[in-house]
Amino acid sequence: AEFWLAYKKMVLELEGANRATSAGDGGRSRLGFGLLR
């Protein structure tokens, strides 16, 4: 259970970072998010 809570927290943080990044950093953030899925 703790693993899933940490995992969900990390995904939410990545999603927030993905929205906050500039266009130049967007591809890298999306790639990282894709690898987690």
PDB file of N, CA and C in Angstrom:
ATOM      1  N   ALA A   1       0.841  -1.203   0.000  1.00  0.00           N
ATOM      2  CA  ALA A   1       0.000   0.000   0.000  1.00  0.00           C
ATOM      3  C   ALA A   1       0.876   1.252   0.000  1.00  0.00           C
ATOM      4  N   GLU A   2       1.928   1.237   0.798  1.00  0.00           N
ATOM      5  CA  GLU A   2       2.792   2.422   0.863  1.00  0.00           C
ATOM      6  C   GLU A   2       3.450   2.694  -0.486  1.00  0.00           C
ATOM      7  N   PHE A   3       3.801   1.620  -1.185  1.00  0.00           N
ATOM      8  CA  PHE A   3       4.415   1.784  -2.496  1.00  0.00           C
ATOM      9  C   PHE A   3       3.473   2.520  -3.437  1.00  0.00           C
ATOM     10  N   TRP A   4       2.197   2.118  -3.438  1.00  0.00           N
ATOM     11  CA  TRP A   4       1.239   2.738  -4.344  1.00  0.00           C
ATOM     12  C   TRP A   4       0.993   4.197  -3.977  1.00  0.00           C
ATOM     13  N   LEU A   5       0.986   4.511  -2.689  1.00  0.00           N
ATOM     14  CA  LEU A   5       0.810   5.910  -2.289  1.00  0.00           C
ATOM     15  C   LEU A   5       1.969   6.751  -2.787  1.00  0.00           C
ATOM     16  N   ALA A   6       3.192   6.227  -2.645  1.00  0.00           N
ATOM     17  CA  ALA A   6       4.364   6.961  -3.114  1.00  0.00           C
ATOM     18  C   ALA A   6       4.340   7.081  -4.633  1.00  0.00           C
ATOM     19  N   TYR A   7       3.915   6.007  -5.314  1.00  0.00           N
ATOM     20  CA  TYR A   7       3.851   5.997  -6.770  1.00  0.00           C
ATOM     21  C   TYR A   7       2.862   7.047  -7.264  1.00  0.00           C
ATOM     22  N   LYS A   8       1.664   7.067  -6.670  1.00  0.00           N
ATOM     23  CA  LYS A   8       0.640   8.031  -7.073  1.00  0.00           C
ATOM     24  C   LYS A   8       1.103   9.452  -6.805  1.00  0.00           C
ATOM     25  N   LYS A   9       1.797   9.659  -5.678  1.00  0.00           N
ATOM     26  CA  LYS A   9       2.307  10.985  -5.356  1.00  0.00           C
ATOM     27  C   LYS A   9       3.327  11.438  -6.402  1.00  0.00           C
ATOM     28  N   MET A  10       4.202  10.506  -6.811  1.00  0.00           N
ATOM     29  CA  MET A  10       5.222  10.832  -7.805  1.00  0.00           C
ATOM     30  C   MET A  10       4.576  11.165  -9.145  1.00  0.00           C
ATOM     31  N   VAL A  11       3.547  10.395  -9.522  1.00  0.00           N
ATOM     32  CA  VAL A  11       2.858  10.655 -10.785  1.00  0.00           C
ATOM     33  C   VAL A  11       2.199  12.028 -10.754  1.00  0.00           C
ATOM     34  N   LEU A  12       1.557  12.361  -9.648  1.00  0.00           N
ATOM     35  CA  LEU A  12       0.914  13.668  -9.538  1.00  0.00           C
ATOM     36  C   LEU A  12       1.934  14.791  -9.626  1.00  0.00           C
ATOM     37  N   GLU A  13       3.099  14.590  -8.996  1.00  0.00           N
ATOM     38  CA  GLU A  13       4.143  15.606  -9.054  1.00  0.00           C
ATOM     39  C   GLU A  13       4.660  15.767 -10.476  1.00  0.00           C
ATOM     40  N   LEU A  14       4.805  14.645 -11.181  1.00  0.00           N
ATOM     41  CA  LEU A  14       5.275  14.706 -12.568  1.00  0.00           C
ATOM     42  C   LEU A  14       4.249  15.397 -13.452  1.00  0.00           C
ATOM     43  N   GLU A  15       2.978  15.115 -13.223  1.00  0.00           N
ATOM     44  CA  GLU A  15       1.936  15.763 -14.019  1.00  0.00           C
ATOM     45  C   GLU A  15       1.965  17.267 -13.791  1.00  0.00           C
ATOM     46  N   GLY A  16       2.129  17.684 -12.524  1.00  0.00           N
ATOM     47  CA  GLY A  16       2.208  19.102 -12.218  1.00  0.00           C
ATOM     48  C   GLY A  16       3.442  19.737 -12.858  1.00  0.00           C
ATOM     49  N   ALA A  17       4.569  19.032 -12.796  1.00  0.00           N
ATOM     50  CA  ALA A  17       5.796  19.541 -13.394  1.00  0.00           C
ATOM     51  C   ALA A  17       5.652  19.626 -14.904  1.00  0.00           C
ATOM     52  N   ASN A  18       4.963  18.656 -15.485  1.00  0.00           N
ATOM     53  CA  ASN A  18       4.778  18.627 -16.927  1.00  0.00           C
ATOM     54  C   ASN A  18       3.991  19.852 -17.383  1.00  0.00           C
ATOM     55  N   ARG A  19       2.961  20.223 -16.613  1.00  0.00           N
ATOM     56  CA  ARG A  19       2.165  21.402 -16.959  1.00  0.00           C
ATOM     57  C   ARG A  19       2.966  22.674 -16.757  1.00  0.00           C
ATOM     58  N   ALA A  20       3.898  22.652 -15.787  1.00  0.00           N
ATOM     59  CA  ALA A  20       4.627  23.867 -15.439  1.00  0.00           C
ATOM     60  C   ALA A  20       5.845  24.100 -16.328  1.00  0.00           C
ATOM     61  N   THR A  21       6.304  23.050 -17.013  1.00  0.00           N
ATOM     62  CA  THR A  21       7.514  23.198 -17.809  1.00  0.00           C
ATOM     63  C   THR A  21       7.286  24.063 -19.027  1.00  0.00           C
ATOM     64  N   SER A  22       8.360  24.607 -19.540  1.00  0.00           N
ATOM     65  CA  SER A  22       8.305  25.326 -20.805  1.00  0.00           C
ATOM     66  C   SER A  22       8.175  24.321 -21.942  1.00  0.00           C
ATOM     67  N   ALA A  23       7.940  24.801 -23.138  1.00  0.00           N
ATOM     68  CA  ALA A  23       7.795  23.913 -24.295  1.00  0.00           C
ATOM     69  C   ALA A  23       9.068  23.097 -24.504  1.00  0.00           C
ATOM     70  N   GLY A  24      10.212  23.674 -24.219  1.00  0.00           N
ATOM     71  CA  GLY A  24      11.479  22.990 -24.439  1.00  0.00           C
ATOM     72  C   GLY A  24      11.650  21.804 -23.510  1.00  0.00           C
ATOM     73  N   ASP A  25      11.128  21.895 -22.282  1.00  0.00           N
ATOM     74  CA  ASP A  25      11.294  20.815 -21.317  1.00  0.00           C
ATOM     75  C   ASP A  25      10.124  19.829 -21.359  1.00  0.00           C
ATOM     76  N   GLY A  26       9.071  20.170 -22.091  1.00  0.00           N
ATOM     77  CA  GLY A  26       7.870  19.342 -22.095  1.00  0.00           C
ATOM     78  C   GLY A  26       8.122  17.931 -22.583  1.00  0.00           C
ATOM     79  N   GLY A  27       8.925  17.788 -23.643  1.00  0.00           N
ATOM     80  CA  GLY A  27       9.174  16.460 -24.191  1.00  0.00           C
ATOM     81  C   GLY A  27       9.856  15.555 -23.188  1.00  0.00           C
ATOM     82  N   ARG A  28      10.845  16.118 -22.467  1.00  0.00           N
ATOM     83  CA  ARG A  28      11.563  15.309 -21.483  1.00  0.00           C
ATOM     84  C   ARG A  28      10.620  14.878 -20.358  1.00  0.00           C
ATOM     85  N   SER A  29       9.754  15.777 -19.900  1.00  0.00           N
ATOM     86  CA  SER A  29       8.837  15.439 -18.815  1.00  0.00           C
ATOM     87  C   SER A  29       7.840  14.378 -19.270  1.00  0.00           C
ATOM     88  N   ARG A  30       7.337  14.517 -20.500  1.00  0.00           N
ATOM     89  CA  ARG A  30       6.377  13.534 -21.003  1.00  0.00           C
ATOM     90  C   ARG A  30       7.042  12.175 -21.144  1.00  0.00           C
ATOM     91  N   LEU A  31       8.302  12.156 -21.553  1.00  0.00           N
ATOM     92  CA  LEU A  31       9.019  10.890 -21.692  1.00  0.00           C
ATOM     93  C   LEU A  31       9.132  10.210 -20.331  1.00  0.00           C
ATOM     94  N   GLY A  32       9.510  10.964 -19.306  1.00  0.00           N
ATOM     95  CA  GLY A  32       9.629  10.402 -17.971  1.00  0.00           C
ATOM     96  C   GLY A  32       8.297   9.863 -17.483  1.00  0.00           C
ATOM     97  N   PHE A  33       7.213  10.604 -17.764  1.00  0.00           N
ATOM     98  CA  PHE A  33       5.894  10.162 -17.333  1.00  0.00           C
ATOM     99  C   PHE A  33       5.499   8.892 -18.075  1.00  0.00           C
ATOM    100  N   GLY A  34       5.823   8.824 -19.374  1.00  0.00           N
ATOM    101  CA  GLY A  34       5.493   7.654 -20.168  1.00  0.00           C
ATOM    102  C   GLY A  34       6.207   6.408 -19.662  1.00  0.00           C
ATOM    103  N   LEU A  35       7.465   6.581 -19.208  1.00  0.00           N
ATOM    104  CA  LEU A  35       8.224   5.437 -18.721  1.00  0.00           C
ATOM    105  C   LEU A  35       7.615   4.881 -17.436  1.00  0.00           C
ATOM    106  N   LEU A  36       6.964   5.736 -16.656  1.00  0.00           N
ATOM    107  CA  LEU A  36       6.369   5.279 -15.398  1.00  0.00           C
ATOM    108  C   LEU A  36       5.067   4.519 -15.629  1.00  0.00           C
ATOM    109  N   ARG A  37       4.389   4.795 -16.726  1.00  0.00           N
ATOM    110  CA  ARG A  37       3.068   4.217 -16.926  1.00  0.00           C
ATOM    111  C   ARG A  37       3.091   2.746 -17.229  1.00  0.00           C
TER     112      ARG A  37
END
